[in-house]
Amino acid sequence: MDNTAITIFWFRRDLRIADNAGLYRALKSGSPVLPLFIFDKEILTQLEDKDDARVTFIYNTIDELKSAFNKSGSDLEVIYDTPEHAFTRLIKDHKVAAVYTNHDYEPYAAARDEAIKQLLAKHRIDFKTFKDQVIFERNEVTKDDGKPYTVFTPYKNKWYQKLKPFYLKAYPTVKYLKNLYPFKASPPPLLTEMGFIKSDAGFPGTDYEKFIDDYAGKRDFPAIKGTSHIGLHLRFGTVSIRQCAADAFEANEKTWLNELIWREFYMMVLYHFPKTMDHAFKPEYDNIKWINNEQQFKAWCDGETGYPLVDAGMRELNATGYMHNRVRMVVASFLSKDLLIDWRWGERYFARKLLDYEMASNVGGWQWAAGSGTDAAPYFRIFNPESQLKKFDPELEYVKKWVPEYADFGKYPKPIVDHAFARDRCLKAFKAALT
């Protein structure tokens, strides 16, 4: 056992060195800092696809972090295990003064962190966590009576009202890298040792700035590359939310910034109402009698519904791990309202396929589409996939890219449901459940 008292910094959803709140504070803690990343068995064993592109993205990013720490005379300890087993081993191998990390708000993460906190407390080791992946968290933006908001617009207004320049100030982490613990880490696990193979998916860059100025005018048209694709990097913390927000303010682009605020709104909702991860925020919506036709669900998953905008979106998702935001709303409405398939089926499919999957935003978006969530579209608002196509892909550029057989009426499938019939059926089913 090494008798040097160290501080461990545990990377999770903050895979960067620059402007990292927890890492900055660890480096100023007074003890040399050992960087750590755990490939969590509890999470990885739940993934269905062994070529899951997100695992490859994390693996590549961890390799880059490791190289960066090597240049500073340190290293990154990478462990494949449960967090409890990993820390039990680290405590045996090192004299640990404290463990620093950044907050995570999802239900599994909250339970995991409480378990680690208790484990460390038995060894008189401090467990310190910090806000990093949001500008405002938990109870920082609330109603005047201290209760959480459940409608976005007043939340957004209070968010802007509360914001001061220091909230967007970057942490000068790089300045303190001299306080890293000089060590050589054990070899990291291979992807194959964790049961995965390398994905050949392409990953978007972090050059989001060029999309900010024209975002409001271009964001609704899926054939245009008008969105930043920054969700993946926000999900795993390879970019700083403070930098993103500061850049949006500098460009005076409120539409793009409002999307970041939506993200924080949904995180706040999930934190205060964790049951919403698999239950309707509005309990009466759990009374809906879903049809849950498995053949139609498969047709939706495969992009074979006979509705070209829906099919293009699903094929884009299956091929790339991404789906345009406007199209996400259309396909979610189609599944939950036209097909009367439980929104949780769609949420789980998105969770499996989306590179930028984030539970709070995904659940929030699906409940919005189904009408069951906070600040949701009313149940009688049902997207017409044909009129959405005419409005947002009038030249069929997006459809032609992902559904090339659409032009050949002999090859393209007929609609699996008539929209007018489905709309009427949905209204009756929802009204019966809600009265």
Protein backbone atom coordinates (compact mmCIF):
# COMPACT_ATOMS: atom_id res chain seq x y z
CA MET A 1 0.00 0.00 0.00
CA ASP A 2 1.22 3.48 -0.94
CA ASN A 3 1.25 5.70 2.18
CA THR A 4 0.92 8.97 0.23
CA ALA A 5 -2.46 10.48 1.13
CA ILE A 6 -4.27 11.07 -2.16
CA THR A 7 -7.52 12.51 -3.42
CA ILE A 8 -9.33 10.46 -6.07
CA PHE A 9 -11.22 12.31 -8.77
CA TRP A 10 -13.91 10.05 -10.25
CA PHE A 11 -14.85 10.89 -13.85
CA ARG A 12 -18.41 10.02 -14.91
CA ARG A 13 -20.44 12.37 -17.11
CA ASP A 14 -17.66 14.97 -17.24
CA LEU A 15 -15.06 13.49 -19.58
CA ARG A 16 -12.84 16.53 -20.01
CA ILE A 17 -10.04 18.25 -18.09
CA ALA A 18 -10.75 21.91 -18.91
CA ASP A 19 -13.47 23.71 -16.95
CA ASN A 20 -14.33 20.69 -14.79
CA ALA A 21 -15.80 21.80 -11.47
CA GLY A 22 -15.05 18.67 -9.41
CA LEU A 23 -11.59 18.12 -10.88
CA TYR A 24 -10.70 21.76 -10.21
CA ARG A 25 -11.68 21.43 -6.57
CA ALA A 26 -9.89 18.10 -6.21
CA LEU A 27 -6.69 19.64 -7.57
CA LYS A 28 -6.97 22.39 -4.95
CA SER A 29 -7.74 19.96 -2.10
CA GLY A 30 -4.18 19.81 -0.80
CA SER A 31 -3.58 16.15 -1.67
CA PRO A 32 -2.22 14.85 -4.99
CA VAL A 33 -5.02 13.77 -7.30
CA LEU A 34 -5.41 10.31 -8.81
CA PRO A 35 -7.85 10.44 -11.78
CA LEU A 36 -10.25 7.50 -12.06
CA PHE A 37 -12.81 6.18 -14.51
CA ILE A 38 -14.97 3.11 -13.84
CA PHE A 39 -16.63 1.17 -16.65
CA ASP A 40 -19.62 0.33 -14.48
CA LYS A 41 -20.70 -3.30 -14.83
CA GLU A 42 -24.13 -2.41 -13.48
CA ILE A 43 -24.68 -0.14 -16.50
CA LEU A 44 -22.84 -2.05 -19.21
CA THR A 45 -24.58 -5.35 -18.56
CA GLN A 46 -27.93 -3.65 -19.27
CA LEU A 47 -26.93 -2.66 -22.82
CA GLU A 48 -28.44 -4.90 -25.49
CA ASP A 49 -26.10 -4.14 -28.40
CA LYS A 50 -22.52 -5.28 -28.11
CA ASP A 51 -21.45 -2.75 -30.73
CA ASP A 52 -23.12 0.08 -28.77
CA ALA A 53 -21.55 3.22 -30.23
CA ARG A 54 -21.75 5.08 -26.93
CA VAL A 55 -19.37 2.58 -25.32
CA THR A 56 -16.92 3.12 -28.19
CA PHE A 57 -17.25 6.89 -27.79
CA ILE A 58 -16.52 6.67 -24.06
CA TYR A 59 -13.64 4.27 -24.68
CA ASN A 60 -12.05 6.61 -27.23
CA THR A 61 -12.54 9.62 -24.97
CA ILE A 62 -11.01 7.82 -22.00
CA ASP A 63 -7.99 6.99 -24.13
CA GLU A 64 -7.60 10.68 -25.00
CA LEU A 65 -7.90 11.65 -21.32
CA LYS A 66 -5.29 9.07 -20.39
CA SER A 67 -2.86 10.51 -22.94
CA ALA A 68 -3.49 14.03 -21.65
CA PHE A 69 -2.73 13.00 -18.07
CA ASN A 70 0.39 11.17 -19.23
CA LYS A 71 1.68 14.45 -20.68
CA SER A 72 1.25 15.99 -17.23
CA GLY A 73 3.28 13.23 -15.58
CA SER A 74 0.29 11.35 -14.25
CA ASP A 75 -2.19 8.77 -15.53
CA LEU A 76 -5.84 7.70 -15.49
CA GLU A 77 -6.82 4.58 -13.59
CA VAL A 78 -9.46 2.73 -15.64
CA ILE A 79 -11.37 -0.10 -13.97
CA TYR A 80 -14.07 -2.43 -15.25
CA ASP A 81 -16.15 -3.45 -12.24
CA THR A 82 -18.99 -2.33 -10.02
CA PRO A 83 -18.20 0.97 -8.27
CA GLU A 84 -18.35 -0.73 -4.84
CA HIS A 85 -15.74 -3.33 -5.83
CA ALA A 86 -13.58 -0.72 -7.53
CA PHE A 87 -13.43 1.53 -4.48
CA THR A 88 -12.89 -1.39 -2.11
CA ARG A 89 -9.81 -2.25 -4.14
CA LEU A 90 -8.57 1.33 -4.38
CA ILE A 91 -8.87 1.80 -0.62
CA LYS A 92 -6.67 -1.27 -0.11
CA ASP A 93 -4.05 -0.04 -2.57
CA HIS A 94 -3.91 3.63 -1.55
CA LYS A 95 -4.24 5.90 1.45
CA VAL A 96 -7.29 7.83 0.29
CA ALA A 97 -8.07 11.17 1.94
CA ALA A 98 -11.16 11.97 -0.12
CA VAL A 99 -13.08 11.16 -3.29
CA TYR A 100 -14.26 14.04 -5.44
CA THR A 101 -16.74 13.81 -8.29
CA ASN A 102 -19.51 15.77 -10.01
CA HIS A 103 -23.24 15.43 -9.40
CA ASP A 104 -25.34 13.01 -11.40
CA TYR A 105 -29.12 13.28 -11.14
CA GLU A 106 -30.56 10.09 -12.59
CA PRO A 107 -32.18 7.64 -10.13
CA TYR A 108 -29.57 4.90 -10.58
CA ALA A 109 -26.75 7.41 -10.15
CA ALA A 110 -28.28 8.84 -6.97
CA ALA A 111 -28.57 5.36 -5.41
CA ARG A 112 -25.05 4.44 -6.55
CA ASP A 113 -23.54 7.60 -5.08
CA GLU A 114 -25.30 7.10 -1.75
CA ALA A 115 -23.91 3.55 -1.57
CA ILE A 116 -20.37 4.79 -2.33
CA LYS A 117 -20.71 7.59 0.21
CA GLN A 118 -21.62 5.05 2.91
CA LEU A 119 -18.80 2.71 1.89
CA LEU A 120 -16.24 5.51 2.09
CA ALA A 121 -17.65 6.79 5.39
CA LYS A 122 -16.82 3.43 7.00
CA HIS A 123 -13.18 4.17 6.19
CA ARG A 124 -13.49 7.83 7.25
CA ILE A 125 -13.03 9.02 3.67
CA ASP A 126 -14.89 12.14 2.56
CA PHE A 127 -17.11 11.95 -0.53
CA LYS A 128 -17.52 15.38 -2.11
CA THR A 129 -19.66 16.11 -5.16
CA PHE A 130 -20.14 19.28 -7.19
CA LYS A 131 -22.41 20.83 -9.79
CA ASP A 132 -20.90 20.60 -13.26
CA GLN A 133 -23.27 19.41 -16.01
CA VAL A 134 -25.87 22.17 -15.60
CA ILE A 135 -25.97 25.89 -14.89
CA PHE A 136 -28.78 25.44 -12.32
CA GLU A 137 -29.70 22.23 -10.54
CA ARG A 138 -32.16 20.69 -8.09
CA ASN A 139 -33.67 23.53 -6.01
CA GLU A 140 -31.77 26.46 -7.52
CA VAL A 141 -34.65 27.52 -9.79
CA THR A 142 -37.95 27.15 -7.98
CA LYS A 143 -41.22 28.98 -7.51
CA ASP A 144 -41.35 31.70 -4.88
CA ASP A 145 -42.76 29.17 -2.40
CA GLY A 146 -39.79 26.84 -2.97
CA LYS A 147 -41.75 24.25 -4.93
CA PRO A 148 -40.39 22.92 -8.26
CA TYR A 149 -41.74 24.27 -11.51
CA THR A 150 -43.77 21.90 -13.67
CA VAL A 151 -44.29 24.32 -16.58
CA PHE A 152 -41.35 25.35 -18.73
CA THR A 153 -41.99 29.03 -19.51
CA PRO A 154 -42.06 30.31 -15.91
CA TYR A 155 -39.06 28.07 -15.16
CA LYS A 156 -37.20 29.60 -18.11
CA ASN A 157 -38.10 33.13 -17.00
CA LYS A 158 -36.81 32.48 -13.46
CA TRP A 159 -33.68 30.83 -14.94
CA TYR A 160 -32.87 34.01 -16.86
CA GLN A 161 -33.72 36.16 -13.85
CA LYS A 162 -31.36 34.20 -11.61
CA LEU A 163 -28.44 34.07 -14.05
CA LYS A 164 -25.38 36.18 -13.24
CA PRO A 165 -22.06 36.26 -15.14
CA PHE A 166 -20.20 34.22 -12.52
CA TYR A 167 -22.44 31.19 -13.24
CA LEU A 168 -20.84 30.97 -16.69
CA LYS A 169 -17.25 31.47 -15.54
CA ALA A 170 -14.91 28.60 -16.44
CA TYR A 171 -12.93 26.72 -13.79
CA PRO A 172 -9.16 27.16 -14.48
CA THR A 173 -8.46 23.44 -14.06
CA VAL A 174 -5.43 23.24 -16.36
CA LYS A 175 -3.57 25.74 -14.17
CA TYR A 176 -3.44 23.18 -11.33
CA LEU A 177 -2.47 19.99 -13.17
CA LYS A 178 0.86 20.13 -11.31
CA ASN A 179 -1.13 18.77 -8.34
CA LEU A 180 -1.80 15.43 -10.03
CA TYR A 181 -0.50 12.26 -8.39
CA PRO A 182 2.51 10.91 -10.32
CA PHE A 183 1.78 7.24 -10.98
CA LYS A 184 1.56 4.61 -13.70
CA ALA A 185 -1.89 3.08 -13.97
CA SER A 186 -2.55 -0.59 -14.55
CA PRO A 187 -3.46 -1.43 -18.18
CA PRO A 188 -7.06 -0.44 -18.99
CA PRO A 189 -9.54 -3.18 -19.93
CA LEU A 190 -10.05 -3.93 -23.59
CA LEU A 191 -13.49 -3.47 -25.13
CA THR A 192 -13.62 -7.21 -25.79
CA GLU A 193 -12.87 -7.95 -22.12
CA MET A 194 -16.02 -5.99 -21.29
CA GLY A 195 -18.05 -7.92 -23.86
CA PHE A 196 -18.18 -5.20 -26.54
CA ILE A 197 -16.83 -4.72 -30.02
CA LYS A 198 -15.73 -1.44 -31.55
CA SER A 199 -18.52 0.44 -33.30
CA ASP A 200 -17.82 1.97 -36.70
CA ALA A 201 -20.27 4.82 -36.04
CA GLY A 202 -19.23 8.36 -36.83
CA PHE A 203 -19.32 10.89 -33.99
CA PRO A 204 -20.19 14.58 -34.33
CA GLY A 205 -17.57 17.18 -33.50
CA THR A 206 -17.78 19.92 -30.91
CA ASP A 207 -17.87 22.82 -33.37
CA TYR A 208 -21.33 23.88 -32.27
CA GLU A 209 -20.61 27.61 -32.50
CA LYS A 210 -21.18 27.75 -36.28
CA PHE A 211 -24.76 26.53 -35.83
CA ILE A 212 -25.84 29.04 -33.18
CA ASP A 213 -26.46 32.14 -35.34
CA ASP A 214 -28.86 30.48 -37.80
CA TYR A 215 -30.34 27.96 -35.39
CA ALA A 216 -33.79 29.56 -35.04
CA GLY A 217 -34.37 29.67 -38.80
CA LYS A 218 -32.97 26.25 -39.70
CA ARG A 219 -33.63 23.96 -36.75
CA ASP A 220 -36.99 22.57 -37.93
CA PHE A 221 -35.88 21.32 -41.36
CA PRO A 222 -34.33 17.84 -41.21
CA ALA A 223 -32.76 18.03 -44.69
CA ILE A 224 -30.63 21.00 -43.56
CA LYS A 225 -27.63 20.57 -41.31
CA GLY A 226 -28.94 23.28 -39.04
CA THR A 227 -28.54 21.77 -35.57
CA SER A 228 -25.36 21.46 -33.53
CA HIS A 229 -25.50 17.72 -32.66
CA ILE A 230 -23.95 18.74 -29.34
CA GLY A 231 -26.21 16.41 -27.30
CA LEU A 232 -23.70 13.54 -27.28
CA HIS A 233 -20.98 15.80 -25.91
CA LEU A 234 -23.27 17.31 -23.28
CA ARG A 235 -24.35 13.80 -22.26
CA PHE A 236 -20.80 12.69 -21.52
CA GLY A 237 -19.37 16.06 -20.57
CA THR A 238 -16.82 16.36 -23.36
CA VAL A 239 -17.91 20.00 -23.62
CA SER A 240 -18.64 22.45 -20.81
CA ILE A 241 -22.23 23.58 -20.34
CA ARG A 242 -20.88 26.90 -19.07
CA GLN A 243 -19.00 27.45 -22.32
CA CYS A 244 -22.05 26.47 -24.40
CA ALA A 245 -24.28 28.92 -22.53
CA ALA A 246 -21.67 31.69 -22.65
CA ASP A 247 -21.30 31.27 -26.42
CA ALA A 248 -25.06 31.44 -26.89
CA PHE A 249 -25.23 34.67 -24.87
CA GLU A 250 -22.38 36.16 -26.85
CA ALA A 251 -24.20 35.36 -30.09
CA ASN A 252 -27.47 36.65 -28.59
CA GLU A 253 -29.16 33.44 -29.73
CA LYS A 254 -31.94 32.73 -27.24
CA THR A 255 -33.53 29.92 -29.27
CA TRP A 256 -30.42 27.74 -28.97
CA LEU A 257 -29.93 28.70 -25.33
CA ASN A 258 -33.56 27.83 -24.59
CA GLU A 259 -32.84 24.26 -25.71
CA LEU A 260 -30.13 24.08 -23.04
CA ILE A 261 -32.66 25.39 -20.53
CA TRP A 262 -35.16 22.71 -21.58
CA ARG A 263 -32.46 20.15 -20.76
CA GLU A 264 -32.05 21.58 -17.26
CA PHE A 265 -35.83 21.80 -16.79
CA TYR A 266 -36.20 18.08 -17.52
CA MET A 267 -33.26 17.24 -15.22
CA MET A 268 -34.93 19.22 -12.43
CA VAL A 269 -38.24 17.44 -13.04
CA LEU A 270 -36.62 13.99 -12.94
CA TYR A 271 -34.75 14.91 -9.75
CA HIS A 272 -37.94 16.03 -7.97
CA PHE A 273 -40.23 13.40 -9.54
CA PRO A 274 -38.07 10.29 -10.09
CA LYS A 275 -41.16 8.12 -10.63
CA THR A 276 -41.58 9.82 -14.02
CA MET A 277 -38.80 7.67 -15.45
CA ASP A 278 -41.43 4.96 -15.95
CA HIS A 279 -44.74 6.46 -14.77
CA ALA A 280 -46.81 9.28 -16.22
CA PHE A 281 -46.27 12.63 -14.52
CA LYS A 282 -50.04 13.03 -14.72
CA PRO A 283 -51.16 9.78 -13.04
CA GLU A 284 -54.47 9.57 -14.92
CA TYR A 285 -52.50 8.94 -18.13
CA ASP A 286 -51.44 5.57 -16.73
CA ASN A 287 -55.11 4.57 -17.15
CA ILE A 288 -54.90 4.68 -20.95
CA LYS A 289 -55.71 1.35 -22.56
CA TRP A 290 -52.82 0.99 -24.96
CA ILE A 291 -53.17 -1.38 -27.91
CA ASN A 292 -49.44 -2.27 -27.95
CA ASN A 293 -49.54 -4.15 -31.25
CA GLU A 294 -46.10 -5.79 -31.50
CA GLN A 295 -46.14 -6.07 -35.30
CA GLN A 296 -46.88 -2.37 -35.63
CA PHE A 297 -44.20 -1.57 -33.07
CA LYS A 298 -41.68 -3.52 -35.14
CA ALA A 299 -42.79 -1.66 -38.27
CA TRP A 300 -42.23 1.62 -36.41
CA CYS A 301 -38.80 0.49 -35.18
CA ASP A 302 -37.76 -0.60 -38.67
CA GLY A 303 -39.08 2.47 -40.49
CA GLU A 304 -41.74 0.53 -42.37
CA THR A 305 -44.94 2.35 -41.32
CA GLY A 306 -45.88 3.72 -44.75
CA TYR A 307 -45.49 7.29 -43.48
CA PRO A 308 -42.30 8.61 -45.11
CA LEU A 309 -41.33 11.22 -42.50
CA VAL A 310 -41.77 8.70 -39.67
CA ASP A 311 -39.86 6.03 -41.59
CA ALA A 312 -37.04 8.41 -42.53
CA GLY A 313 -36.59 9.38 -38.90
CA MET A 314 -36.47 5.82 -37.65
CA ARG A 315 -34.04 4.76 -40.37
CA GLU A 316 -31.80 7.73 -39.59
CA LEU A 317 -31.85 6.69 -35.93
CA ASN A 318 -31.06 3.05 -36.68
CA ALA A 319 -28.24 3.93 -39.06
CA THR A 320 -26.58 6.81 -37.21
CA GLY A 321 -27.76 6.92 -33.59
CA TYR A 322 -29.23 10.35 -34.25
CA MET A 323 -32.64 11.71 -35.20
CA HIS A 324 -33.54 15.28 -36.05
CA ASN A 325 -35.41 17.04 -33.22
CA ARG A 326 -38.51 17.93 -35.23
CA VAL A 327 -38.74 14.36 -36.49
CA ARG A 328 -38.40 13.00 -32.93
CA MET A 329 -41.66 14.77 -32.07
CA VAL A 330 -43.41 13.38 -35.13
CA VAL A 331 -42.34 9.76 -34.59
CA ALA A 332 -43.15 9.93 -30.87
CA SER A 333 -46.62 11.31 -31.54
CA PHE A 334 -47.19 8.66 -34.21
CA LEU A 335 -46.27 5.78 -31.89
CA SER A 336 -48.18 6.93 -28.83
CA LYS A 337 -51.22 8.44 -30.54
CA ASP A 338 -51.66 6.99 -34.05
CA LEU A 339 -50.66 3.47 -33.00
CA LEU A 340 -51.72 3.74 -29.34
CA ILE A 341 -48.51 2.07 -28.22
CA ASP A 342 -47.29 2.88 -24.72
CA TRP A 343 -44.82 5.79 -24.82
CA ARG A 344 -42.50 3.75 -22.57
CA TRP A 345 -41.90 1.30 -25.45
CA GLY A 346 -40.66 4.16 -27.60
CA GLU A 347 -38.66 5.70 -24.78
CA ARG A 348 -36.83 2.42 -24.23
CA TYR A 349 -36.10 2.07 -27.96
CA PHE A 350 -34.66 5.58 -28.07
CA ALA A 351 -32.64 4.78 -24.94
CA ARG A 352 -31.13 1.84 -26.77
CA LYS A 353 -30.36 3.66 -30.03
CA LEU A 354 -29.70 7.36 -29.38
CA LEU A 355 -26.08 8.45 -29.11
CA ASP A 356 -27.21 11.50 -27.14
CA TYR A 357 -29.59 9.56 -24.89
CA GLU A 358 -30.15 11.35 -21.62
CA MET A 359 -32.87 9.92 -19.40
CA ALA A 360 -34.35 13.23 -18.25
CA SER A 361 -34.68 14.71 -21.74
CA ASN A 362 -35.77 11.45 -23.33
CA VAL A 363 -38.48 10.73 -20.77
CA GLY A 364 -39.51 14.38 -20.80
CA GLY A 365 -39.76 14.44 -24.59
CA TRP A 366 -41.74 11.22 -24.80
CA GLN A 367 -44.15 12.29 -22.07
CA TRP A 368 -44.55 15.63 -23.83
CA ALA A 369 -45.53 13.84 -27.04
CA ALA A 370 -47.91 11.47 -25.24
CA GLY A 371 -49.49 14.33 -23.29
CA SER A 372 -48.71 12.69 -19.94
CA GLY A 373 -45.82 14.83 -18.75
CA THR A 374 -45.07 18.25 -17.34
CA ASP A 375 -45.86 21.09 -19.70
CA ALA A 376 -46.99 18.51 -22.25
CA ALA A 377 -48.82 18.87 -25.53
CA PRO A 378 -52.54 18.37 -24.78
CA TYR A 379 -53.78 14.90 -25.62
CA PHE A 380 -55.88 16.19 -28.49
CA ARG A 381 -52.80 17.67 -30.19
CA ILE A 382 -51.85 14.90 -32.60
CA PHE A 383 -49.20 15.48 -35.24
CA ASN A 384 -50.33 14.71 -38.77
CA PRO A 385 -47.25 13.03 -40.28
CA GLU A 386 -48.30 13.98 -43.82
CA SER A 387 -48.79 17.68 -43.12
CA GLN A 388 -45.55 17.72 -41.11
CA LEU A 389 -43.79 16.29 -44.17
CA LYS A 390 -45.21 18.99 -46.47
CA LYS A 391 -44.24 21.73 -44.05
CA PHE A 392 -40.73 20.66 -43.03
CA ASP A 393 -39.48 18.53 -45.94
CA PRO A 394 -41.43 19.95 -48.90
CA GLU A 395 -38.85 18.90 -51.50
CA LEU A 396 -38.58 15.42 -49.95
CA GLU A 397 -34.80 15.79 -49.60
CA TYR A 398 -34.74 14.15 -46.16
CA VAL A 399 -37.16 11.42 -47.21
CA LYS A 400 -35.26 10.63 -50.42
CA LYS A 401 -32.06 10.20 -48.41
CA TRP A 402 -33.49 7.69 -45.92
CA VAL A 403 -36.45 6.20 -47.79
CA PRO A 404 -35.23 6.01 -51.40
CA GLU A 405 -37.99 3.57 -52.39
CA TYR A 406 -40.67 6.14 -51.53
CA ALA A 407 -40.79 7.22 -55.19
CA ASP A 408 -41.61 3.65 -56.25
CA PHE A 409 -45.18 3.02 -55.16
CA GLY A 410 -44.75 -0.67 -55.81
CA LYS A 411 -41.98 -1.01 -53.26
CA TYR A 412 -42.94 1.41 -50.51
CA PRO A 413 -45.37 -0.09 -47.96
CA LYS A 414 -48.88 1.23 -47.58
CA PRO A 415 -49.66 3.03 -44.29
CA ILE A 416 -50.10 0.56 -41.43
CA VAL A 417 -52.93 2.72 -40.09
CA ASP A 418 -55.16 5.44 -41.52
CA HIS A 419 -54.30 8.70 -39.77
CA ALA A 420 -57.87 10.05 -39.64
CA PHE A 421 -59.13 6.76 -38.16
CA ALA A 422 -56.17 6.61 -35.75
CA ARG A 423 -56.70 10.18 -34.59
CA ASP A 424 -60.36 9.52 -33.77
CA ARG A 425 -59.45 6.27 -31.97
CA CYS A 426 -56.79 8.05 -29.93
CA LEU A 427 -59.13 10.84 -28.85
CA LYS A 428 -61.69 8.29 -27.65
CA ALA A 429 -59.09 6.20 -25.77
CA PHE A 430 -57.52 9.20 -24.06
CA LYS A 431 -60.89 10.77 -23.20
CA ALA A 432 -62.07 7.48 -21.66
CA ALA A 433 -58.94 7.30 -19.47
CA LEU A 434 -59.03 10.92 -18.38
CA THR A 435 -62.69 11.26 -17.41
